[in-house]
Full PDB file with SEQRES, HELIX, SHEET, SSBOND, CRYST1, ORIGX, SCALE, CONECT and MASTER records, all heavy atoms in Angstrom:
SEQRES   1 A   31  SER TYR PHE ALA ASN ILE ALA ASN TYR ASP TYR ILE ALA          
SEQRES   2 A   31  GLY ALA MET PRO LEU ASP ARG GLU SER ALA VAL ALA PHE          
SEQRES   3 A   31  SER VAL ILE ARG PHE                                          
SHEET    1 AA1 2 ASP A  10  ASP A  19  0                                        
SHEET    2 AA1 2 SER A  22  ARG A  30 -1                                        
CRYST1    1.000    1.000    1.000  90.00  90.00  90.00 P 1           1          
ORIGX1      1.000000  0.000000  0.000000        0.00000                         
ORIGX2      0.000000  1.000000  0.000000        0.00000                         
ORIGX3      0.000000  0.000000  1.000000        0.00000                         
SCALE1      1.000000  0.000000  0.000000        0.00000                         
SCALE2      0.000000  1.000000  0.000000        0.00000                         
SCALE3      0.000000  0.000000  1.000000        0.00000                         
ATOM      1  N   SER A   1      46.802  71.978   6.052  1.00  0.00           N  
ATOM      2  CA  SER A   1      45.658  72.461   6.818  1.00  0.00           C  
ATOM      3  C   SER A   1      45.547  71.650   8.096  1.00  0.00           C  
ATOM      4  O   SER A   1      45.829  70.448   8.114  1.00  0.00           O  
ATOM      5  CB  SER A   1      44.367  72.335   6.003  1.00  0.00           C  
ATOM      6  OG  SER A   1      44.430  73.171   4.872  1.00  0.00           O  
ATOM      7  N   TYR A   2      45.098  72.299   9.130  1.00  0.00           N  
ATOM      8  CA  TYR A   2      45.130  71.732  10.473  1.00  0.00           C  
ATOM      9  C   TYR A   2      43.760  71.900  11.106  1.00  0.00           C  
ATOM     10  O   TYR A   2      43.097  72.908  10.896  1.00  0.00           O  
ATOM     11  CB  TYR A   2      46.203  72.491  11.264  1.00  0.00           C  
ATOM     12  CG  TYR A   2      46.772  71.842  12.478  1.00  0.00           C  
ATOM     13  CD1 TYR A   2      47.623  70.745  12.373  1.00  0.00           C  
ATOM     14  CD2 TYR A   2      46.497  72.330  13.745  1.00  0.00           C  
ATOM     15  CE1 TYR A   2      48.183  70.176  13.489  1.00  0.00           C  
ATOM     16  CE2 TYR A   2      47.051  71.768  14.864  1.00  0.00           C  
ATOM     17  CZ  TYR A   2      47.898  70.685  14.738  1.00  0.00           C  
ATOM     18  OH  TYR A   2      48.451  70.110  15.856  1.00  0.00           O  
ATOM     19  N   PHE A   3      43.327  70.911  11.886  1.00  0.00           N  
ATOM     20  CA  PHE A   3      42.020  70.980  12.545  1.00  0.00           C  
ATOM     21  C   PHE A   3      40.903  71.261  11.536  1.00  0.00           C  
ATOM     22  O   PHE A   3      40.158  72.226  11.657  1.00  0.00           O  
ATOM     23  CB  PHE A   3      42.001  72.044  13.637  1.00  0.00           C  
ATOM     24  CG  PHE A   3      42.920  71.755  14.785  1.00  0.00           C  
ATOM     25  CD1 PHE A   3      43.718  72.755  15.297  1.00  0.00           C  
ATOM     26  CD2 PHE A   3      42.992  70.501  15.341  1.00  0.00           C  
ATOM     27  CE1 PHE A   3      44.572  72.503  16.356  1.00  0.00           C  
ATOM     28  CE2 PHE A   3      43.844  70.237  16.397  1.00  0.00           C  
ATOM     29  CZ  PHE A   3      44.642  71.235  16.914  1.00  0.00           C  
ATOM     30  N   ALA A   4      40.837  70.398  10.495  1.00  0.00           N  
ATOM     31  CA  ALA A   4      39.771  70.506   9.483  1.00  0.00           C  
ATOM     32  C   ALA A   4      39.721  71.895   8.848  1.00  0.00           C  
ATOM     33  O   ALA A   4      38.671  72.523   8.750  1.00  0.00           O  
ATOM     34  CB  ALA A   4      38.421  70.143  10.083  1.00  0.00           C  
ATOM     35  N   ASN A   5      40.905  72.392   8.433  1.00  0.00           N  
ATOM     36  CA  ASN A   5      41.058  73.660   7.714  1.00  0.00           C  
ATOM     37  C   ASN A   5      40.844  74.898   8.573  1.00  0.00           C  
ATOM     38  O   ASN A   5      40.743  75.999   8.041  1.00  0.00           O  
ATOM     39  CB  ASN A   5      40.113  73.718   6.502  1.00  0.00           C  
ATOM     40  CG  ASN A   5      40.415  72.641   5.485  1.00  0.00           C  
ATOM     41  OD1 ASN A   5      41.573  72.312   5.241  1.00  0.00           O  
ATOM     42  ND2 ASN A   5      39.376  72.086   4.886  1.00  0.00           N  
ATOM     43  N   ILE A   6      40.770  74.737   9.893  1.00  0.00           N  
ATOM     44  CA  ILE A   6      40.639  75.909  10.753  1.00  0.00           C  
ATOM     45  C   ILE A   6      41.954  76.671  10.811  1.00  0.00           C  
ATOM     46  O   ILE A   6      41.977  77.903  10.795  1.00  0.00           O  
ATOM     47  CB  ILE A   6      40.186  75.495  12.163  1.00  0.00           C  
ATOM     48  CG1 ILE A   6      38.771  74.916  12.112  1.00  0.00           C  
ATOM     49  CG2 ILE A   6      40.246  76.672  13.127  1.00  0.00           C  
ATOM     50  CD1 ILE A   6      38.289  74.375  13.439  1.00  0.00           C  
ATOM     51  N   ALA A   7      43.063  75.945  10.874  1.00  0.00           N  
ATOM     52  CA  ALA A   7      44.379  76.569  10.965  1.00  0.00           C  
ATOM     53  C   ALA A   7      45.201  76.220   9.732  1.00  0.00           C  
ATOM     54  O   ALA A   7      44.973  75.202   9.073  1.00  0.00           O  
ATOM     55  CB  ALA A   7      45.100  76.100  12.222  1.00  0.00           C  
ATOM     56  N   ASN A   8      46.169  77.071   9.417  1.00  0.00           N  
ATOM     57  CA  ASN A   8      47.060  76.851   8.288  1.00  0.00           C  
ATOM     58  C   ASN A   8      48.503  76.785   8.765  1.00  0.00           C  
ATOM     59  O   ASN A   8      48.927  77.565   9.632  1.00  0.00           O  
ATOM     60  CB  ASN A   8      46.918  77.985   7.263  1.00  0.00           C  
ATOM     61  CG  ASN A   8      45.575  77.941   6.562  1.00  0.00           C  
ATOM     62  OD1 ASN A   8      45.214  76.940   5.973  1.00  0.00           O  
ATOM     63  ND2 ASN A   8      44.830  79.036   6.635  1.00  0.00           N  
ATOM     64  N   TYR A   9      49.229  75.838   8.194  1.00  0.00           N  
ATOM     65  CA  TYR A   9      50.630  75.629   8.555  1.00  0.00           C  
ATOM     66  C   TYR A   9      51.458  75.759   7.279  1.00  0.00           C  
ATOM     67  O   TYR A   9      51.290  74.975   6.340  1.00  0.00           O  
ATOM     68  CB  TYR A   9      50.789  74.242   9.174  1.00  0.00           C  
ATOM     69  CG  TYR A   9      52.185  73.927   9.664  1.00  0.00           C  
ATOM     70  CD1 TYR A   9      52.768  74.670  10.682  1.00  0.00           C  
ATOM     71  CD2 TYR A   9      52.913  72.877   9.116  1.00  0.00           C  
ATOM     72  CE1 TYR A   9      54.034  74.371  11.147  1.00  0.00           C  
ATOM     73  CE2 TYR A   9      54.183  72.563   9.578  1.00  0.00           C  
ATOM     74  CZ  TYR A   9      54.743  73.315  10.590  1.00  0.00           C  
ATOM     75  OH  TYR A   9      56.006  73.027  11.047  1.00  0.00           O  
ATOM     76  N   ASP A  10      52.323  76.771   7.200  1.00  0.00           N  
ATOM     77  CA  ASP A  10      53.070  77.071   5.986  1.00  0.00           C  
ATOM     78  C   ASP A  10      54.559  77.168   6.290  1.00  0.00           C  
ATOM     79  O   ASP A  10      54.969  77.602   7.376  1.00  0.00           O  
ATOM     80  CB  ASP A  10      52.585  78.389   5.383  1.00  0.00           C  
ATOM     81  CG  ASP A  10      51.131  78.328   4.953  1.00  0.00           C  
ATOM     82  OD1 ASP A  10      50.825  77.614   3.994  1.00  0.00           O  
ATOM     83  OD2 ASP A  10      50.298  78.987   5.612  1.00  0.00           O  
ATOM     84  N   TYR A  11      55.344  76.786   5.281  1.00  0.00           N  
ATOM     85  CA  TYR A  11      56.800  76.720   5.470  1.00  0.00           C  
ATOM     86  C   TYR A  11      57.490  77.034   4.146  1.00  0.00           C  
ATOM     87  O   TYR A  11      57.060  76.595   3.081  1.00  0.00           O  
ATOM     88  CB  TYR A  11      57.158  75.312   5.945  1.00  0.00           C  
ATOM     89  CG  TYR A  11      58.581  74.868   5.717  1.00  0.00           C  
ATOM     90  CD1 TYR A  11      59.629  75.328   6.515  1.00  0.00           C  
ATOM     91  CD2 TYR A  11      58.888  73.944   4.710  1.00  0.00           C  
ATOM     92  CE1 TYR A  11      60.922  74.889   6.319  1.00  0.00           C  
ATOM     93  CE2 TYR A  11      60.183  73.494   4.503  1.00  0.00           C  
ATOM     94  CZ  TYR A  11      61.195  73.973   5.317  1.00  0.00           C  
ATOM     95  OH  TYR A  11      62.478  73.532   5.116  1.00  0.00           O  
ATOM     96  N   ILE A  12      58.558  77.833   4.213  1.00  0.00           N  
ATOM     97  CA  ILE A  12      59.403  78.113   3.059  1.00  0.00           C  
ATOM     98  C   ILE A  12      60.841  78.158   3.532  1.00  0.00           C  
ATOM     99  O   ILE A  12      61.130  78.647   4.636  1.00  0.00           O  
ATOM    100  CB  ILE A  12      59.002  79.440   2.358  1.00  0.00           C  
ATOM    101  CG1 ILE A  12      59.863  79.663   1.128  1.00  0.00           C  
ATOM    102  CG2 ILE A  12      59.095  80.621   3.323  1.00  0.00           C  
ATOM    103  CD1 ILE A  12      59.397  80.831   0.268  1.00  0.00           C  
ATOM    104  N   ALA A  13      61.730  77.607   2.725  1.00  0.00           N  
ATOM    105  CA  ALA A  13      63.137  77.578   3.111  1.00  0.00           C  
ATOM    106  C   ALA A  13      64.018  77.629   1.875  1.00  0.00           C  
ATOM    107  O   ALA A  13      63.618  77.199   0.782  1.00  0.00           O  
ATOM    108  CB  ALA A  13      63.448  76.318   3.927  1.00  0.00           C  
ATOM    109  N   GLY A  14      65.219  78.150   2.054  1.00  0.00           N  
ATOM    110  CA  GLY A  14      66.221  78.167   1.002  1.00  0.00           C  
ATOM    111  C   GLY A  14      67.575  77.812   1.584  1.00  0.00           C  
ATOM    112  O   GLY A  14      67.872  78.157   2.735  1.00  0.00           O  
ATOM    113  N   ALA A  15      68.389  77.092   0.821  1.00  0.00           N  
ATOM    114  CA  ALA A  15      69.701  76.672   1.303  1.00  0.00           C  
ATOM    115  C   ALA A  15      70.706  76.728   0.168  1.00  0.00           C  
ATOM    116  O   ALA A  15      70.345  76.585  -1.008  1.00  0.00           O  
ATOM    117  CB  ALA A  15      69.636  75.260   1.892  1.00  0.00           C  
ATOM    118  N   MET A  16      71.975  76.921   0.527  1.00  0.00           N  
ATOM    119  CA  MET A  16      73.025  76.983  -0.485  1.00  0.00           C  
ATOM    120  C   MET A  16      74.359  76.566   0.136  1.00  0.00           C  
ATOM    121  O   MET A  16      74.642  76.870   1.297  1.00  0.00           O  
ATOM    122  CB  MET A  16      73.152  78.399  -1.060  1.00  0.00           C  
ATOM    123  CG  MET A  16      73.516  79.458  -0.043  1.00  0.00           C  
ATOM    124  SD  MET A  16      73.647  81.121  -0.746  1.00  0.00           S  
ATOM    125  CE  MET A  16      75.082  80.918  -1.790  1.00  0.00           C  
ATOM    126  N   PRO A  17      75.171  75.836  -0.616  1.00  0.00           N  
ATOM    127  CA  PRO A  17      76.534  75.564  -0.144  1.00  0.00           C  
ATOM    128  C   PRO A  17      77.404  76.803  -0.313  1.00  0.00           C  
ATOM    129  O   PRO A  17      77.341  77.480  -1.344  1.00  0.00           O  
ATOM    130  CB  PRO A  17      76.993  74.418  -1.051  1.00  0.00           C  
ATOM    131  CG  PRO A  17      76.144  74.527  -2.272  1.00  0.00           C  
ATOM    132  CD  PRO A  17      74.845  75.149  -1.864  1.00  0.00           C  
ATOM    133  N   LEU A  18      78.198  77.121   0.706  1.00  0.00           N  
ATOM    134  CA  LEU A  18      79.119  78.244   0.604  1.00  0.00           C  
ATOM    135  C   LEU A  18      80.398  77.838  -0.108  1.00  0.00           C  
ATOM    136  O   LEU A  18      80.946  78.580  -0.919  1.00  0.00           O  
ATOM    137  CB  LEU A  18      79.438  78.781   1.997  1.00  0.00           C  
ATOM    138  CG  LEU A  18      78.271  79.394   2.775  1.00  0.00           C  
ATOM    139  CD1 LEU A  18      78.735  79.835   4.156  1.00  0.00           C  
ATOM    140  CD2 LEU A  18      77.664  80.567   2.018  1.00  0.00           C  
ATOM    141  N   ASP A  19      80.898  76.678   0.240  1.00  0.00           N  
ATOM    142  CA  ASP A  19      82.072  76.093  -0.386  1.00  0.00           C  
ATOM    143  C   ASP A  19      82.036  74.601  -0.095  1.00  0.00           C  
ATOM    144  O   ASP A  19      81.006  74.073   0.319  1.00  0.00           O  
ATOM    145  CB  ASP A  19      83.368  76.751   0.132  1.00  0.00           C  
ATOM    146  CG  ASP A  19      83.404  76.825   1.662  1.00  0.00           C  
ATOM    147  OD1 ASP A  19      83.017  75.818   2.325  1.00  0.00           O  
ATOM    148  OD2 ASP A  19      83.803  77.868   2.201  1.00  0.00           O  
ATOM    149  N   ARG A  20      83.134  73.910  -0.264  1.00  0.00           N  
ATOM    150  CA  ARG A  20      83.151  72.457  -0.042  1.00  0.00           C  
ATOM    151  C   ARG A  20      83.106  72.100   1.431  1.00  0.00           C  
ATOM    152  O   ARG A  20      82.896  70.942   1.785  1.00  0.00           O  
ATOM    153  CB  ARG A  20      84.402  71.857  -0.689  1.00  0.00           C  
ATOM    154  CG  ARG A  20      84.454  72.021  -2.199  1.00  0.00           C  
ATOM    155  CD  ARG A  20      85.677  71.355  -2.786  1.00  0.00           C  
ATOM    156  NE  ARG A  20      85.672  69.914  -2.563  1.00  0.00           N  
ATOM    157  CZ  ARG A  20      86.652  69.094  -2.969  1.00  0.00           C  
ATOM    158  NH1 ARG A  20      87.702  69.596  -3.611  1.00  0.00           N  
ATOM    159  NH2 ARG A  20      86.573  67.808  -2.735  1.00  0.00           N  
ATOM    160  N   GLU A  21      83.267  73.090   2.294  1.00  0.00           N  
ATOM    161  CA  GLU A  21      83.360  72.817   3.728  1.00  0.00           C  
ATOM    162  C   GLU A  21      82.213  73.395   4.547  1.00  0.00           C  
ATOM    163  O   GLU A  21      82.148  73.168   5.753  1.00  0.00           O  
ATOM    164  CB  GLU A  21      84.688  73.358   4.282  1.00  0.00           C  
ATOM    165  CG  GLU A  21      85.929  72.725   3.671  1.00  0.00           C  
ATOM    166  CD  GLU A  21      85.999  71.219   3.936  1.00  0.00           C  
ATOM    167  OE1 GLU A  21      85.585  70.803   5.032  1.00  0.00           O  
ATOM    168  OE2 GLU A  21      86.460  70.485   3.043  1.00  0.00           O  
ATOM    169  N   SER A  22      81.278  74.156   3.936  1.00  0.00           N  
ATOM    170  CA  SER A  22      80.233  74.784   4.731  1.00  0.00           C  
ATOM    171  C   SER A  22      79.010  75.078   3.876  1.00  0.00           C  
ATOM    172  O   SER A  22      79.088  75.140   2.646  1.00  0.00           O  
ATOM    173  CB  SER A  22      80.747  76.086   5.378  1.00  0.00           C  
ATOM    174  OG  SER A  22      81.176  77.002   4.387  1.00  0.00           O  
ATOM    175  N   ALA A  23      77.879  75.272   4.552  1.00  0.00           N  
ATOM    176  CA  ALA A  23      76.612  75.576   3.880  1.00  0.00           C  
ATOM    177  C   ALA A  23      75.728  76.360   4.837  1.00  0.00           C  
ATOM    178  O   ALA A  23      75.898  76.296   6.062  1.00  0.00           O  
ATOM    179  CB  ALA A  23      75.909  74.294   3.450  1.00  0.00           C  
ATOM    180  N   VAL A  24      74.751  77.104   4.275  1.00  0.00           N  
ATOM    181  CA  VAL A  24      73.829  77.900   5.080  1.00  0.00           C  
ATOM    182  C   VAL A  24      72.412  77.699   4.569  1.00  0.00           C  
ATOM    183  O   VAL A  24      72.186  77.251   3.437  1.00  0.00           O  
ATOM    184  CB  VAL A  24      74.185  79.406   5.047  1.00  0.00           C  
ATOM    185  CG1 VAL A  24      75.520  79.677   5.702  1.00  0.00           C  
ATOM    186  CG2 VAL A  24      74.141  79.927   3.621  1.00  0.00           C  
ATOM    187  N   ALA A  25      71.452  78.055   5.420  1.00  0.00           N  
ATOM    188  CA  ALA A  25      70.042  77.979   5.038  1.00  0.00           C  
ATOM    189  C   ALA A  25      69.262  78.995   5.859  1.00  0.00           C  
ATOM    190  O   ALA A  25      69.682  79.403   6.945  1.00  0.00           O  
ATOM    191  CB  ALA A  25      69.489  76.574   5.264  1.00  0.00           C  
ATOM    192  N   PHE A  26      68.097  79.369   5.323  1.00  0.00           N  
ATOM    193  CA  PHE A  26      67.181  80.257   6.041  1.00  0.00           C  
ATOM    194  C   PHE A  26      65.770  79.734   5.822  1.00  0.00           C  
ATOM    195  O   PHE A  26      65.400  79.371   4.697  1.00  0.00           O  
ATOM    196  CB  PHE A  26      67.290  81.698   5.544  1.00  0.00           C  
ATOM    197  CG  PHE A  26      66.382  82.655   6.274  1.00  0.00           C  
ATOM    198  CD1 PHE A  26      66.671  83.059   7.560  1.00  0.00           C  
ATOM    199  CD2 PHE A  26      65.222  83.133   5.674  1.00  0.00           C  
ATOM    200  CE1 PHE A  26      65.832  83.928   8.244  1.00  0.00           C  
ATOM    201  CE2 PHE A  26      64.377  84.000   6.345  1.00  0.00           C  
ATOM    202  CZ  PHE A  26      64.688  84.402   7.638  1.00  0.00           C  
ATOM    203  N   SER A  27      64.980  79.683   6.877  1.00  0.00           N  
ATOM    204  CA  SER A  27      63.630  79.139   6.763  1.00  0.00           C  
ATOM    205  C   SER A  27      62.652  79.952   7.599  1.00  0.00           C  
ATOM    206  O   SER A  27      63.022  80.584   8.592  1.00  0.00           O  
ATOM    207  CB  SER A  27      63.594  77.673   7.203  1.00  0.00           C  
ATOM    208  OG  SER A  27      64.050  77.525   8.532  1.00  0.00           O  
ATOM    209  N   VAL A  28      61.387  79.920   7.164  1.00  0.00           N  
ATOM    210  CA  VAL A  28      60.302  80.615   7.861  1.00  0.00           C  
ATOM    211  C   VAL A  28      59.132  79.644   7.998  1.00  0.00           C  
ATOM    212  O   VAL A  28      58.749  78.988   7.031  1.00  0.00           O  
ATOM    213  CB  VAL A  28      59.840  81.870   7.097  1.00  0.00           C  
ATOM    214  CG1 VAL A  28      58.699  82.557   7.847  1.00  0.00           C  
ATOM    215  CG2 VAL A  28      61.001  82.835   6.890  1.00  0.00           C  
ATOM    216  N   ILE A  29      58.582  79.557   9.193  1.00  0.00           N  
ATOM    217  CA  ILE A  29      57.407  78.734   9.465  1.00  0.00           C  
ATOM    218  C   ILE A  29      56.318  79.636  10.035  1.00  0.00           C  
ATOM    219  O   ILE A  29      56.598  80.490  10.889  1.00  0.00           O  
ATOM    220  CB  ILE A  29      57.715  77.609  10.468  1.00  0.00           C  
ATOM    221  CG1 ILE A  29      58.726  76.625   9.880  1.00  0.00           C  
ATOM    222  CG2 ILE A  29      56.443  76.854  10.862  1.00  0.00           C  
ATOM    223  CD1 ILE A  29      59.176  75.559  10.868  1.00  0.00           C  
ATOM    224  N   ARG A  30      55.072  79.454   9.562  1.00  0.00           N  
ATOM    225  CA  ARG A  30      53.925  80.158  10.130  1.00  0.00           C  
ATOM    226  C   ARG A  30      52.823  79.153  10.439  1.00  0.00           C  
ATOM    227  O   ARG A  30      52.450  78.352   9.595  1.00  0.00           O  
ATOM    228  CB  ARG A  30      53.367  81.223   9.190  1.00  0.00           C  
ATOM    229  CG  ARG A  30      52.177  81.993   9.796  1.00  0.00           C  
ATOM    230  CD  ARG A  30      51.544  82.935   8.777  1.00  0.00           C  
ATOM    231  NE  ARG A  30      50.523  83.792   9.386  1.00  0.00           N  
ATOM    232  CZ  ARG A  30      49.225  83.470   9.491  1.00  0.00           C  
ATOM    233  NH1 ARG A  30      48.800  82.284   9.036  1.00  0.00           N  
ATOM    234  NH2 ARG A  30      48.355  84.287  10.056  1.00  0.00           N  
ATOM    235  N   PHE A  31      52.329  79.217  11.647  1.00  0.00           N  
ATOM    236  CA  PHE A  31      51.175  78.416  12.057  1.00  0.00           C  
ATOM    237  C   PHE A  31      50.141  79.383  12.618  1.00  0.00           C  
ATOM    238  O   PHE A  31      50.418  80.084  13.597  1.00  0.00           O  
ATOM    239  CB  PHE A  31      51.577  77.401  13.123  1.00  0.00           C  
ATOM    240  CG  PHE A  31      50.425  76.550  13.599  1.00  0.00           C  
ATOM    241  CD1 PHE A  31      49.986  75.482  12.851  1.00  0.00           C  
ATOM    242  CD2 PHE A  31      49.780  76.824  14.786  1.00  0.00           C  
ATOM    243  CE1 PHE A  31      48.928  74.697  13.271  1.00  0.00           C  
ATOM    244  CE2 PHE A  31      48.719  76.053  15.222  1.00  0.00           C  
ATOM    245  CZ  PHE A  31      48.292  74.984  14.460  1.00  0.00           C  
TER     246      PHE A  31                                                      
MASTER        0    0    0    0    2    0    0    6  245    1    0    3          
END                                                                             
């Protein structure tokens, strides 16, 4: 919570290794 609960800041993310040489992730942020 931000500014005494006036605003909300939320985040979700997921990540996974593709193989031994690479990895990916996706994330979403809302303010």
